[in-house]
Amino acid sequence: MPVLTADFVPILVKTGASARVDVEQTTRFNTGDWVRVKNINPTTHTRMPRYVRGKRGCIKLDHGVFITPDTVAHGLGEHPQHLYSVSFSAVELWGDAAPAQDSLRIDLWDDYLEAAEHE
């Protein structure tokens, strides 16, 4: 993996560098599927917000296949996988005091998710 130097930053900003990879990867989830975020607490780098762990949401979009920052940050390889936009109701995240009409979308990697039933 190349080292990011100050000279390279303007090029990345101008071209919109991406971690998307052109790799065939089977998708486990489709738009409309209900998922639960795994309730894990790794001691290493993760892009999984603590407040969504154990919460149920619905897949709204499959962004495609990207390298996984959790593994790249520790020199464990790219580990390509699907990145999904998952919608959570505010009530699911913050309880009955939250406005019932509000929701939040969070992008989450396949490894963070497991299948769930719609309640």
Protein backbone atom coordinates (compact mmCIF):
# COMPACT_ATOMS: atom_id res chain seq x y z
CA MET A 1 0.00 0.00 0.00
CA PRO A 2 1.54 3.37 -1.01
CA VAL A 3 2.40 5.94 1.63
CA LEU A 4 0.26 9.08 1.52
CA THR A 5 2.53 12.10 1.18
CA ALA A 6 1.64 15.80 1.16
CA ASP A 7 2.32 15.95 -2.60
CA PHE A 8 -0.29 13.26 -3.24
CA VAL A 9 -3.15 14.86 -1.26
CA PRO A 10 -4.23 17.42 -3.95
CA ILE A 11 -4.45 14.61 -6.52
CA LEU A 12 -6.62 12.49 -4.23
CA VAL A 13 -8.91 15.41 -3.42
CA LYS A 14 -9.27 16.33 -7.09
CA THR A 15 -9.88 12.79 -8.36
CA GLY A 16 -12.01 11.52 -5.47
CA ALA A 17 -9.97 8.52 -4.38
CA SER A 18 -12.08 5.54 -3.38
CA ALA A 19 -11.60 2.28 -1.49
CA ARG A 20 -13.96 0.52 -3.96
CA VAL A 21 -12.44 -2.61 -5.49
CA ASP A 22 -13.35 -4.46 -8.66
CA VAL A 23 -13.75 -7.89 -7.06
CA GLU A 24 -16.59 -10.37 -7.47
CA GLN A 25 -18.03 -10.84 -3.99
CA THR A 26 -21.28 -12.64 -3.20
CA THR A 27 -23.79 -10.43 -1.42
CA ARG A 28 -25.46 -11.82 1.70
CA PHE A 29 -28.12 -9.11 1.88
CA ASN A 30 -30.41 -7.33 -0.56
CA THR A 31 -32.30 -4.06 -0.45
CA GLY A 32 -35.25 -4.50 1.91
CA ASP A 33 -33.62 -7.21 4.04
CA TRP A 34 -33.75 -6.78 7.81
CA VAL A 35 -30.45 -7.09 9.63
CA ARG A 36 -29.11 -6.83 13.15
CA VAL A 37 -25.74 -5.27 13.88
CA LYS A 38 -23.53 -7.72 15.73
CA ASN A 39 -22.99 -6.76 19.36
CA ILE A 40 -19.22 -7.09 19.44
CA ASN A 41 -16.63 -4.89 21.09
CA PRO A 42 -13.32 -5.30 19.31
CA THR A 43 -10.25 -3.84 21.00
CA THR A 44 -8.91 -2.84 17.60
CA HIS A 45 -10.00 -0.34 14.94
CA THR A 46 -13.63 -0.51 13.79
CA ARG A 47 -16.04 1.71 11.86
CA MET A 48 -19.03 0.22 13.70
CA PRO A 49 -20.64 2.89 15.91
CA ARG A 50 -21.27 1.61 19.43
CA TYR A 51 -24.84 2.96 19.48
CA VAL A 52 -25.95 0.63 16.63
CA ARG A 53 -24.53 -2.58 18.12
CA GLY A 54 -27.31 -5.08 18.71
CA LYS A 55 -29.85 -2.85 16.88
CA ARG A 56 -32.11 -3.89 14.00
CA GLY A 57 -32.33 -2.01 10.71
CA CYS A 58 -33.24 -2.40 7.05
CA ILE A 59 -30.85 -2.52 4.08
CA LYS A 60 -31.62 0.48 1.84
CA LEU A 61 -28.66 0.34 -0.55
CA ASP A 62 -25.72 -1.87 -1.47
CA HIS A 63 -22.82 0.48 -2.27
CA GLY A 64 -20.75 -2.35 -3.78
CA VAL A 65 -17.50 -3.98 -2.70
CA PHE A 66 -14.86 -2.02 -0.79
CA ILE A 67 -11.73 -2.79 1.18
CA THR A 68 -12.37 -3.13 4.89
CA PRO A 69 -10.71 -0.40 6.98
CA ASP A 70 -10.75 -2.59 10.10
CA THR A 71 -8.29 -5.05 8.54
CA VAL A 72 -6.25 -2.56 6.50
CA ALA A 73 -5.57 -0.45 9.61
CA HIS A 74 -3.78 -3.42 11.15
CA GLY A 75 -1.92 -4.66 8.08
CA LEU A 76 -4.21 -7.69 7.73
CA GLY A 77 -5.06 -7.17 4.06
CA GLU A 78 -7.90 -5.59 2.14
CA HIS A 79 -10.63 -8.16 3.02
CA PRO A 80 -13.06 -6.91 0.30
CA GLN A 81 -16.75 -7.03 1.19
CA HIS A 82 -20.07 -5.32 0.52
CA LEU A 83 -20.83 -2.01 2.18
CA TYR A 84 -24.51 -1.42 2.91
CA SER A 85 -26.56 1.66 3.81
CA VAL A 86 -28.71 0.49 6.73
CA SER A 87 -31.70 2.50 7.96
CA PHE A 88 -32.53 2.48 11.68
CA SER A 89 -35.60 4.04 13.26
CA ALA A 90 -34.83 6.64 15.92
CA VAL A 91 -36.97 4.61 18.32
CA GLU A 92 -34.81 1.51 17.69
CA LEU A 93 -31.66 3.46 18.46
CA TRP A 94 -32.75 5.76 21.29
CA GLY A 95 -36.01 4.38 22.69
CA ASP A 96 -39.63 5.47 22.84
CA ALA A 97 -38.79 9.12 23.64
CA ALA A 98 -37.32 9.53 20.13
CA PRO A 99 -39.60 10.88 17.37
CA ALA A 100 -41.28 7.90 15.69
CA GLN A 101 -40.98 9.44 12.21
CA ASP A 102 -37.19 9.95 12.42
CA SER A 103 -34.58 7.56 11.10
CA LEU A 104 -30.84 7.41 10.54
CA ARG A 105 -28.84 5.69 7.79
CA ILE A 106 -25.41 4.31 8.55
CA ASP A 107 -23.00 2.60 6.15
CA LEU A 108 -21.94 -0.77 7.56
CA TRP A 109 -19.72 -3.56 6.23
CA ASP A 110 -21.07 -7.07 5.71
CA ASP A 111 -18.99 -8.49 8.59
CA TYR A 112 -20.87 -6.25 11.03
CA LEU A 113 -24.30 -7.66 10.14
CA GLU A 114 -26.46 -10.75 10.64
CA ALA A 115 -29.92 -11.58 9.31
CA ALA A 116 -32.89 -10.43 11.42
CA GLU A 117 -36.65 -10.77 11.25
CA HIS A 118 -38.88 -7.75 10.69
CA GLU A 119 -40.99 -7.21 13.80
